[in-house]
Each structure stands twice: as C-alpha cells, then as structure tokens.
Amino acid sequence: MKILHITTNNKFIEHALQTFENVYPKQNHVWMLSKRGDINTTISVSRTFTFAQTLNPLFSLKLKEYDLVVLHSLLVTWFFIILFAPFKTRFA
C-alpha cells in the first residue's frame, strides 16, 4: 500500500508519521504545504508545494499513484485538492 500524507509543518506530524511507519514501513510519502518553499523539519518530505500548485491539473494527477491520501488537518487548501482529485482517490 502506497500512502500519501499531505500536511503543513506542525508539531504533531512527526508523531503521526511514525505511527503510520510502524504499520506500513517505507510506504509513506509526505507532501508539505509551504508558503515560500522552505521547510525546516526533521521528517523526510518528498515534495513541498504552494497553494497555487494545487490548482494545476498535473498536481492532481500525481494522486493516482497512491492507494490512500491522508490529509492532516482541515485547511481550505485541502478542499481544492479533494475537488480536483481523480475520481477514485481515497481520502482519510
């Protein structure tokens, strides 16, 4: 199972990702929202992105590569990700 975590840089994400890694080792990827593209964190981030990039159809097509997309927190930005996601994308 390939899992994508879409998140912001927050104090809870490190613990949440460790929990997923314990159950699904080496199957978790992280995309982190960034206003400037610079992220200072101890977790391994696969990709950083800005709000504007979520409106690009190529961004949404990348979601097809994952069995599950986990949205950490409820931001307005996530609404656009869900809205433009491929039809069979599974979200949690």
PDB file of N, CA and C in Angstrom:
ATOM      1  N   MET A   1       0.847  -1.184   0.000  1.00  0.00           N
ATOM      2  CA  MET A   1       0.000   0.000   0.000  1.00  0.00           C
ATOM      3  C   MET A   1       0.884   1.237   0.000  1.00  0.00           C
ATOM      4  N   LYS A   2       0.602   2.151  -0.877  1.00  0.00           N
ATOM      5  CA  LYS A   2       1.351   3.402  -1.003  1.00  0.00           C
ATOM      6  C   LYS A   2       0.479   4.530  -0.441  1.00  0.00           C
ATOM      7  N   ILE A   3       0.983   5.219   0.600  1.00  0.00           N
ATOM      8  CA  ILE A   3       0.196   6.234   1.301  1.00  0.00           C
ATOM      9  C   ILE A   3       0.852   7.601   1.144  1.00  0.00           C
ATOM     10  N   LEU A   4       0.040   8.582   0.783  1.00  0.00           N
ATOM     11  CA  LEU A   4       0.499   9.968   0.686  1.00  0.00           C
ATOM     12  C   LEU A   4      -0.073  10.753   1.853  1.00  0.00           C
ATOM     13  N   HIS A   5       0.787  11.464   2.547  1.00  0.00           N
ATOM     14  CA  HIS A   5       0.372  12.349   3.639  1.00  0.00           C
ATOM     15  C   HIS A   5       0.540  13.777   3.153  1.00  0.00           C
ATOM     16  N   ILE A   6      -0.541  14.534   3.172  1.00  0.00           N
ATOM     17  CA  ILE A   6      -0.488  15.946   2.791  1.00  0.00           C
ATOM     18  C   ILE A   6      -0.679  16.741   4.077  1.00  0.00           C
ATOM     19  N   THR A   7       0.285  17.610   4.355  1.00  0.00           N
ATOM     20  CA  THR A   7       0.309  18.254   5.659  1.00  0.00           C
ATOM     21  C   THR A   7       0.927  19.644   5.599  1.00  0.00           C
ATOM     22  N   THR A   8       0.855  20.301   6.732  1.00  0.00           N
ATOM     23  CA  THR A   8       1.604  21.534   6.958  1.00  0.00           C
ATOM     24  C   THR A   8       2.736  21.176   7.910  1.00  0.00           C
ATOM     25  N   ASN A   9       3.638  22.086   8.111  1.00  0.00           N
ATOM     26  CA  ASN A   9       4.716  21.862   9.068  1.00  0.00           C
ATOM     27  C   ASN A   9       4.156  22.174  10.453  1.00  0.00           C
ATOM     28  N   ASN A  10       3.749  21.131  11.179  1.00  0.00           N
ATOM     29  CA  ASN A  10       3.177  21.336  12.505  1.00  0.00           C
ATOM     30  C   ASN A  10       3.820  20.379  13.501  1.00  0.00           C
ATOM     31  N   LYS A  11       3.581  20.617  14.777  1.00  0.00           N
ATOM     32  CA  LYS A  11       4.277  19.851  15.809  1.00  0.00           C
ATOM     33  C   LYS A  11       3.764  18.424  15.969  1.00  0.00           C
ATOM     34  N   PHE A  12       2.631  18.081  15.375  1.00  0.00           N
ATOM     35  CA  PHE A  12       2.059  16.750  15.543  1.00  0.00           C
ATOM     36  C   PHE A  12       2.406  15.785  14.405  1.00  0.00           C
ATOM     37  N   ILE A  13       2.864  16.293  13.287  1.00  0.00           N
ATOM     38  CA  ILE A  13       3.046  15.457  12.104  1.00  0.00           C
ATOM     39  C   ILE A  13       4.121  14.393  12.298  1.00  0.00           C
ATOM     40  N   GLU A  14       5.169  14.712  13.010  1.00  0.00           N
ATOM     41  CA  GLU A  14       6.245  13.734  13.211  1.00  0.00           C
ATOM     42  C   GLU A  14       5.724  12.479  13.921  1.00  0.00           C
ATOM     43  N   HIS A  15       4.942  12.660  14.966  1.00  0.00           N
ATOM     44  CA  HIS A  15       4.378  11.515  15.697  1.00  0.00           C
ATOM     45  C   HIS A  15       3.387  10.740  14.823  1.00  0.00           C
ATOM     46  N   ALA A  16       2.564  11.432  14.086  1.00  0.00           N
ATOM     47  CA  ALA A  16       1.581  10.768  13.221  1.00  0.00           C
ATOM     48  C   ALA A  16       2.280   9.918  12.164  1.00  0.00           C
ATOM     49  N   LEU A  17       3.315  10.451  11.551  1.00  0.00           N
ATOM     50  CA  LEU A  17       4.038   9.698  10.522  1.00  0.00           C
ATOM     51  C   LEU A  17       4.745   8.481  11.100  1.00  0.00           C
ATOM     52  N   GLN A  18       5.280   8.616  12.304  1.00  0.00           N
ATOM     53  CA  GLN A  18       5.931   7.471  12.940  1.00  0.00           C
ATOM     54  C   GLN A  18       4.921   6.355  13.183  1.00  0.00           C
ATOM     55  N   THR A  19       3.717   6.699  13.543  1.00  0.00           N
ATOM     56  CA  THR A  19       2.660   5.707  13.753  1.00  0.00           C
ATOM     57  C   THR A  19       2.352   4.977  12.449  1.00  0.00           C
ATOM     58  N   PHE A  20       2.220   5.695  11.350  1.00  0.00           N
ATOM     59  CA  PHE A  20       1.978   5.067  10.057  1.00  0.00           C
ATOM     60  C   PHE A  20       3.161   4.199   9.640  1.00  0.00           C
ATOM     61  N   GLU A  21       4.379   4.662   9.890  1.00  0.00           N
ATOM     62  CA  GLU A  21       5.570   3.890   9.522  1.00  0.00           C
ATOM     63  C   GLU A  21       5.637   2.576  10.294  1.00  0.00           C
ATOM     64  N   ASN A  22       5.173   2.577  11.529  1.00  0.00           N
ATOM     65  CA  ASN A  22       5.167   1.345  12.317  1.00  0.00           C
ATOM     66  C   ASN A  22       4.265   0.286  11.689  1.00  0.00           C
ATOM     67  N   VAL A  23       3.169   0.708  11.086  1.00  0.00           N
ATOM     68  CA  VAL A  23       2.208  -0.218  10.490  1.00  0.00           C
ATOM     69  C   VAL A  23       2.539  -0.503   9.025  1.00  0.00           C
ATOM     70  N   TYR A  24       2.908   0.520   8.279  1.00  0.00           N
ATOM     71  CA  TYR A  24       3.228   0.406   6.847  1.00  0.00           C
ATOM     72  C   TYR A  24       4.639   0.953   6.593  1.00  0.00           C
ATOM     73  N   PRO A  25       5.673   0.187   6.916  1.00  0.00           N
ATOM     74  CA  PRO A  25       7.035   0.704   6.767  1.00  0.00           C
ATOM     75  C   PRO A  25       7.408   1.006   5.313  1.00  0.00           C
ATOM     76  N   LYS A  26       8.075   2.136   5.123  1.00  0.00           N
ATOM     77  CA  LYS A  26       8.615   2.575   3.817  1.00  0.00           C
ATOM     78  C   LYS A  26       7.556   2.706   2.725  1.00  0.00           C
ATOM     79  N   GLN A  27       6.314   2.917   3.120  1.00  0.00           N
ATOM     80  CA  GLN A  27       5.242   3.084   2.147  1.00  0.00           C
ATOM     81  C   GLN A  27       4.569   4.451   2.268  1.00  0.00           C
ATOM     82  N   ASN A  28       5.140   5.308   3.081  1.00  0.00           N
ATOM     83  CA  ASN A  28       4.564   6.619   3.346  1.00  0.00           C
ATOM     84  C   ASN A  28       5.394   7.717   2.696  1.00  0.00           C
ATOM     85  N   HIS A  29       4.706   8.623   2.005  1.00  0.00           N
ATOM     86  CA  HIS A  29       5.339   9.785   1.385  1.00  0.00           C
ATOM     87  C   HIS A  29       4.657  11.034   1.922  1.00  0.00           C
ATOM     88  N   VAL A  30       5.425  12.106   2.054  1.00  0.00           N
ATOM     89  CA  VAL A  30       4.900  13.344   2.634  1.00  0.00           C
ATOM     90  C   VAL A  30       5.022  14.483   1.639  1.00  0.00           C
ATOM     91  N   TRP A  31       3.910  15.166   1.405  1.00  0.00           N
ATOM     92  CA  TRP A  31       3.898  16.422   0.658  1.00  0.00           C
ATOM     93  C   TRP A  31       3.527  17.498   1.662  1.00  0.00           C
ATOM     94  N   MET A  32       4.339  18.543   1.746  1.00  0.00           N
ATOM     95  CA  MET A  32       4.115  19.572   2.759  1.00  0.00           C
ATOM     96  C   MET A  32       3.842  20.924   2.112  1.00  0.00           C
ATOM     97  N   LEU A  33       2.766  21.554   2.550  1.00  0.00           N
ATOM     98  CA  LEU A  33       2.393  22.888   2.083  1.00  0.00           C
ATOM     99  C   LEU A  33       3.399  23.899   2.613  1.00  0.00           C
ATOM    100  N   SER A  34       3.882  24.754   1.731  1.00  0.00           N
ATOM    101  CA  SER A  34       4.861  25.763   2.100  1.00  0.00           C
ATOM    102  C   SER A  34       4.509  27.074   1.414  1.00  0.00           C
ATOM    103  N   LYS A  35       4.600  28.142   2.137  1.00  0.00           N
ATOM    104  CA  LYS A  35       4.334  29.447   1.532  1.00  0.00           C
ATOM    105  C   LYS A  35       5.533  29.929   0.730  1.00  0.00           C
ATOM    106  N   ARG A  36       6.729  29.538   1.132  1.00  0.00           N
ATOM    107  CA  ARG A  36       7.936  30.028   0.465  1.00  0.00           C
ATOM    108  C   ARG A  36       8.789  28.905  -0.122  1.00  0.00           C
ATOM    109  N   GLY A  37       8.395  27.666   0.076  1.00  0.00           N
ATOM    110  CA  GLY A  37       9.188  26.565  -0.445  1.00  0.00           C
ATOM    111  C   GLY A  37      10.285  26.099   0.489  1.00  0.00           C
ATOM    112  N   ASP A  38      10.459  26.791   1.627  1.00  0.00           N
ATOM    113  CA  ASP A  38      11.490  26.366   2.578  1.00  0.00           C
ATOM    114  C   ASP A  38      10.834  25.707   3.784  1.00  0.00           C
ATOM    115  N   ILE A  39      11.251  24.503   4.056  1.00  0.00           N
ATOM    116  CA  ILE A  39      10.686  23.728   5.153  1.00  0.00           C
ATOM    117  C   ILE A  39      11.819  23.325   6.094  1.00  0.00           C
ATOM    118  N   ASN A  40      11.673  23.627   7.358  1.00  0.00           N
ATOM    119  CA  ASN A  40      12.625  23.173   8.372  1.00  0.00           C
ATOM    120  C   ASN A  40      11.931  22.151   9.239  1.00  0.00           C
ATOM    121  N   THR A  41      12.258  20.879   9.034  1.00  0.00           N
ATOM    122  CA  THR A  41      11.623  19.819   9.776  1.00  0.00           C
ATOM    123  C   THR A  41      12.557  18.624   9.864  1.00  0.00           C
ATOM    124  N   THR A  42      12.309  17.759  10.809  1.00  0.00           N
ATOM    125  CA  THR A  42      13.140  16.565  10.965  1.00  0.00           C
ATOM    126  C   THR A  42      12.594  15.389  10.166  1.00  0.00           C
ATOM    127  N   ILE A  43      11.385  15.516   9.631  1.00  0.00           N
ATOM    128  CA  ILE A  43      10.807  14.418   8.856  1.00  0.00           C
ATOM    129  C   ILE A  43      11.273  14.494   7.408  1.00  0.00           C
ATOM    130  N   SER A  44      11.195  13.375   6.728  1.00  0.00           N
ATOM    131  CA  SER A  44      11.586  13.314   5.328  1.00  0.00           C
ATOM    132  C   SER A  44      10.397  13.740   4.459  1.00  0.00           C
ATOM    133  N   VAL A  45      10.541  14.865   3.779  1.00  0.00           N
ATOM    134  CA  VAL A  45       9.480  15.411   2.940  1.00  0.00           C
ATOM    135  C   VAL A  45       9.779  15.077   1.487  1.00  0.00           C
ATOM    136  N   SER A  46       8.833  14.392   0.822  1.00  0.00           N
ATOM    137  CA  SER A  46       9.013  14.010  -0.573  1.00  0.00           C
ATOM    138  C   SER A  46       8.874  15.200  -1.514  1.00  0.00           C
ATOM    139  N   ARG A  47       8.006  16.139  -1.125  1.00  0.00           N
ATOM    140  CA  ARG A  47       7.723  17.268  -2.001  1.00  0.00           C
ATOM    141  C   ARG A  47       7.154  18.407  -1.180  1.00  0.00           C
ATOM    142  N   THR A  48       7.535  19.628  -1.514  1.00  0.00           N
ATOM    143  CA  THR A  48       6.864  20.798  -0.953  1.00  0.00           C
ATOM    144  C   THR A  48       6.037  21.415  -2.071  1.00  0.00           C
ATOM    145  N   PHE A  49       4.977  22.083  -1.701  1.00  0.00           N
ATOM    146  CA  PHE A  49       4.113  22.705  -2.701  1.00  0.00           C
ATOM    147  C   PHE A  49       3.463  23.947  -2.126  1.00  0.00           C
ATOM    148  N   THR A  50       2.972  24.796  -3.021  1.00  0.00           N
ATOM    149  CA  THR A  50       2.262  26.007  -2.629  1.00  0.00           C
ATOM    150  C   THR A  50       0.786  25.853  -2.984  1.00  0.00           C
ATOM    151  N   PHE A  51      -0.024  26.730  -2.473  1.00  0.00           N
ATOM    152  CA  PHE A  51      -1.449  26.686  -2.785  1.00  0.00           C
ATOM    153  C   PHE A  51      -1.686  26.748  -4.291  1.00  0.00           C
ATOM    154  N   ALA A  52      -0.972  27.624  -4.979  1.00  0.00           N
ATOM    155  CA  ALA A  52      -1.155  27.788  -6.427  1.00  0.00           C
ATOM    156  C   ALA A  52      -0.914  26.475  -7.176  1.00  0.00           C
ATOM    157  N   GLN A  53       0.016  25.669  -6.715  1.00  0.00           N
ATOM    158  CA  GLN A  53       0.302  24.399  -7.379  1.00  0.00           C
ATOM    159  C   GLN A  53      -0.850  23.410  -7.263  1.00  0.00           C
ATOM    160  N   THR A  54      -1.675  23.524  -6.229  1.00  0.00           N
ATOM    161  CA  THR A  54      -2.810  22.605  -6.085  1.00  0.00           C
ATOM    162  C   THR A  54      -3.845  22.810  -7.180  1.00  0.00           C
ATOM    163  N   LEU A  55      -3.819  23.949  -7.839  1.00  0.00           N
ATOM    164  CA  LEU A  55      -4.774  24.244  -8.901  1.00  0.00           C
ATOM    165  C   LEU A  55      -4.310  23.716 -10.259  1.00  0.00           C
ATOM    166  N   ASN A  56      -3.094  23.242 -10.337  1.00  0.00           N
ATOM    167  CA  ASN A  56      -2.532  22.692 -11.567  1.00  0.00           C
ATOM    168  C   ASN A  56      -3.018  21.249 -11.750  1.00  0.00           C
ATOM    169  N   PRO A  57      -3.604  20.911 -12.894  1.00  0.00           N
ATOM    170  CA  PRO A  57      -4.100  19.542 -13.115  1.00  0.00           C
ATOM    171  C   PRO A  57      -3.027  18.469 -12.961  1.00  0.00           C
ATOM    172  N   LEU A  58      -1.782  18.777 -13.236  1.00  0.00           N
ATOM    173  CA  LEU A  58      -0.707  17.795 -13.072  1.00  0.00           C
ATOM    174  C   LEU A  58      -0.497  17.422 -11.605  1.00  0.00           C
ATOM    175  N   PHE A  59      -0.754  18.370 -10.717  1.00  0.00           N
ATOM    176  CA  PHE A  59      -0.663  18.098  -9.279  1.00  0.00           C
ATOM    177  C   PHE A  59      -1.669  17.016  -8.906  1.00  0.00           C
ATOM    178  N   SER A  60      -2.896  17.175  -9.362  1.00  0.00           N
ATOM    179  CA  SER A  60      -3.954  16.211  -9.045  1.00  0.00           C
ATOM    180  C   SER A  60      -3.690  14.837  -9.647  1.00  0.00           C
ATOM    181  N   LEU A  61      -3.135  14.801 -10.839  1.00  0.00           N
ATOM    182  CA  LEU A  61      -2.863  13.510 -11.485  1.00  0.00           C
ATOM    183  C   LEU A  61      -1.869  12.673 -10.694  1.00  0.00           C
ATOM    184  N   LYS A  62      -0.961  13.308  -9.978  1.00  0.00           N
ATOM    185  CA  LYS A  62       0.021  12.581  -9.163  1.00  0.00           C
ATOM    186  C   LYS A  62      -0.654  11.781  -8.047  1.00  0.00           C
ATOM    187  N   LEU A  63      -1.854  12.174  -7.655  1.00  0.00           N
ATOM    188  CA  LEU A  63      -2.562  11.471  -6.585  1.00  0.00           C
ATOM    189  C   LEU A  63      -2.923  10.044  -6.985  1.00  0.00           C
ATOM    190  N   LYS A  64      -3.012   9.788  -8.289  1.00  0.00           N
ATOM    191  CA  LYS A  64      -3.335   8.447  -8.790  1.00  0.00           C
ATOM    192  C   LYS A  64      -2.293   7.409  -8.390  1.00  0.00           C
ATOM    193  N   GLU A  65      -1.100   7.849  -8.073  1.00  0.00           N
ATOM    194  CA  GLU A  65      -0.012   6.940  -7.730  1.00  0.00           C
ATOM    195  C   GLU A  65      -0.169   6.336  -6.336  1.00  0.00           C
ATOM    196  N   TYR A  66      -1.135   6.832  -5.563  1.00  0.00           N
ATOM    197  CA  TYR A  66      -1.271   6.419  -4.168  1.00  0.00           C
ATOM    198  C   TYR A  66      -2.582   5.678  -3.922  1.00  0.00           C
ATOM    199  N   ASP A  67      -2.511   4.699  -3.017  1.00  0.00           N
ATOM    200  CA  ASP A  67      -3.707   3.945  -2.633  1.00  0.00           C
ATOM    201  C   ASP A  67      -4.570   4.733  -1.658  1.00  0.00           C
ATOM    202  N   LEU A  68      -3.940   5.598  -0.876  1.00  0.00           N
ATOM    203  CA  LEU A  68      -4.645   6.387   0.122  1.00  0.00           C
ATOM    204  C   LEU A  68      -3.948   7.726   0.276  1.00  0.00           C
ATOM    205  N   VAL A  69      -4.748   8.787   0.397  1.00  0.00           N
ATOM    206  CA  VAL A  69      -4.224  10.130   0.651  1.00  0.00           C
ATOM    207  C   VAL A  69      -4.756  10.565   2.020  1.00  0.00           C
ATOM    208  N   VAL A  70      -3.839  10.828   2.943  1.00  0.00           N
ATOM    209  CA  VAL A  70      -4.221  11.256   4.290  1.00  0.00           C
ATOM    210  C   VAL A  70      -3.999  12.756   4.385  1.00  0.00           C
ATOM    211  N   LEU A  71      -5.065  13.487   4.663  1.00  0.00           N
ATOM    212  CA  LEU A  71      -4.988  14.941   4.829  1.00  0.00           C
ATOM    213  C   LEU A  71      -4.876  15.234   6.316  1.00  0.00           C
ATOM    214  N   HIS A  72      -3.774  15.816   6.723  1.00  0.00           N
ATOM    215  CA  HIS A  72      -3.550  16.130   8.133  1.00  0.00           C
ATOM    216  C   HIS A  72      -4.025  17.553   8.386  1.00  0.00           C
ATOM    217  N   SER A  73      -5.076  17.688   9.132  1.00  0.00           N
ATOM    218  CA  SER A  73      -5.772  18.931   9.484  1.00  0.00           C
ATOM    219  C   SER A  73      -6.831  19.238   8.423  1.00  0.00           C
ATOM    220  N   LEU A  74      -7.591  20.278   8.648  1.00  0.00           N
ATOM    221  CA  LEU A  74      -8.640  20.673   7.696  1.00  0.00           C
ATOM    222  C   LEU A  74      -8.408  22.114   7.260  1.00  0.00           C
ATOM    223  N   LEU A  75      -7.633  22.255   6.214  1.00  0.00           N
ATOM    224  CA  LEU A  75      -7.378  23.573   5.648  1.00  0.00           C
ATOM    225  C   LEU A  75      -8.250  23.793   4.418  1.00  0.00           C
ATOM    226  N   VAL A  76      -8.518  25.025   4.099  1.00  0.00           N
ATOM    227  CA  VAL A  76      -9.264  25.350   2.886  1.00  0.00           C
ATOM    228  C   VAL A  76      -8.508  24.827   1.664  1.00  0.00           C
ATOM    229  N   THR A  77      -7.199  24.853   1.705  1.00  0.00           N
ATOM    230  CA  THR A  77      -6.377  24.358   0.600  1.00  0.00           C
ATOM    231  C   THR A  77      -6.704  22.909   0.278  1.00  0.00           C
ATOM    232  N   TRP A  78      -6.950  22.099   1.286  1.00  0.00           N
ATOM    233  CA  TRP A  78      -7.259  20.684   1.078  1.00  0.00           C
ATOM    234  C   TRP A  78      -8.555  20.523   0.293  1.00  0.00           C
ATOM    235  N   PHE A  79      -9.486  21.465   0.420  1.00  0.00           N
ATOM    236  CA  PHE A  79     -10.738  21.412  -0.341  1.00  0.00           C
ATOM    237  C   PHE A  79     -10.455  21.347  -1.836  1.00  0.00           C
ATOM    238  N   PHE A  80      -9.508  22.168  -2.294  1.00  0.00           N
ATOM    239  CA  PHE A  80      -9.174  22.185  -3.726  1.00  0.00           C
ATOM    240  C   PHE A  80      -8.489  20.887  -4.155  1.00  0.00           C
ATOM    241  N   ILE A  81      -7.697  20.314  -3.280  1.00  0.00           N
ATOM    242  CA  ILE A  81      -7.055  19.040  -3.586  1.00  0.00           C
ATOM    243  C   ILE A  81      -8.127  17.963  -3.767  1.00  0.00           C
ATOM    244  N   ILE A  82      -9.101  17.932  -2.882  1.00  0.00           N
ATOM    245  CA  ILE A  82     -10.188  16.953  -2.978  1.00  0.00           C
ATOM    246  C   ILE A  82     -11.033  17.214  -4.223  1.00  0.00           C
ATOM    247  N   LEU A  83     -11.360  18.469  -4.467  1.00  0.00           N
ATOM    248  CA  LEU A  83     -12.209  18.837  -5.597  1.00  0.00           C
ATOM    249  C   LEU A  83     -11.618  18.420  -6.941  1.00  0.00           C
ATOM    250  N   PHE A  84     -10.312  18.586  -7.105  1.00  0.00           N
ATOM    251  CA  PHE A  84      -9.674  18.292  -8.388  1.00  0.00           C
ATOM    252  C   PHE A  84      -9.042  16.898  -8.459  1.00  0.00           C
ATOM    253  N   ALA A  85      -9.175  16.124  -7.409  1.00  0.00           N
ATOM    254  CA  ALA A  85      -8.549  14.779  -7.379  1.00  0.00           C
ATOM    255  C   ALA A  85      -9.240  13.839  -8.379  1.00  0.00           C
ATOM    256  N   PRO A  86      -8.483  12.858  -8.887  1.00  0.00           N
ATOM    257  CA  PRO A  86      -9.102  11.843  -9.749  1.00  0.00           C
ATOM    258  C   PRO A  86     -10.244  11.156  -9.001  1.00  0.00           C
ATOM    259  N   PHE A  87     -11.246  10.708  -9.736  1.00  0.00           N
ATOM    260  CA  PHE A  87     -12.495  10.201  -9.169  1.00  0.00           C
ATOM    261  C   PHE A  87     -12.324   9.135  -8.083  1.00  0.00           C
ATOM    262  N   LYS A  88     -11.450   8.180  -8.277  1.00  0.00           N
ATOM    263  CA  LYS A  88     -11.326   7.068  -7.334  1.00  0.00           C
ATOM    264  C   LYS A  88     -10.288   7.279  -6.236  1.00  0.00           C
ATOM    265  N   THR A  89      -9.840   8.496  -6.031  1.00  0.00           N
ATOM    266  CA  THR A  89      -8.871   8.785  -4.973  1.00  0.00           C
ATOM    267  C   THR A  89      -9.540   8.580  -3.621  1.00  0.00           C
ATOM    268  N   ARG A  90      -8.880   7.820  -2.769  1.00  0.00           N
ATOM    269  CA  ARG A  90      -9.398   7.577  -1.410  1.00  0.00           C
ATOM    270  C   ARG A  90      -8.702   8.510  -0.431  1.00  0.00           C
ATOM    271  N   PHE A  91      -9.510   9.238   0.335  1.00  0.00           N
ATOM    272  CA  PHE A  91      -9.004  10.200   1.299  1.00  0.00           C
ATOM    273  C   PHE A  91      -9.340   9.785   2.728  1.00  0.00           C
ATOM    274  N   ALA A  92      -8.473  10.144   3.635  1.00  0.00           N
ATOM    275  CA  ALA A  92      -8.741   9.980   5.080  1.00  0.00           C
ATOM    276  C   ALA A  92      -8.320  11.270   5.760  1.00  0.00           C
TER     277      ALA A  92
END
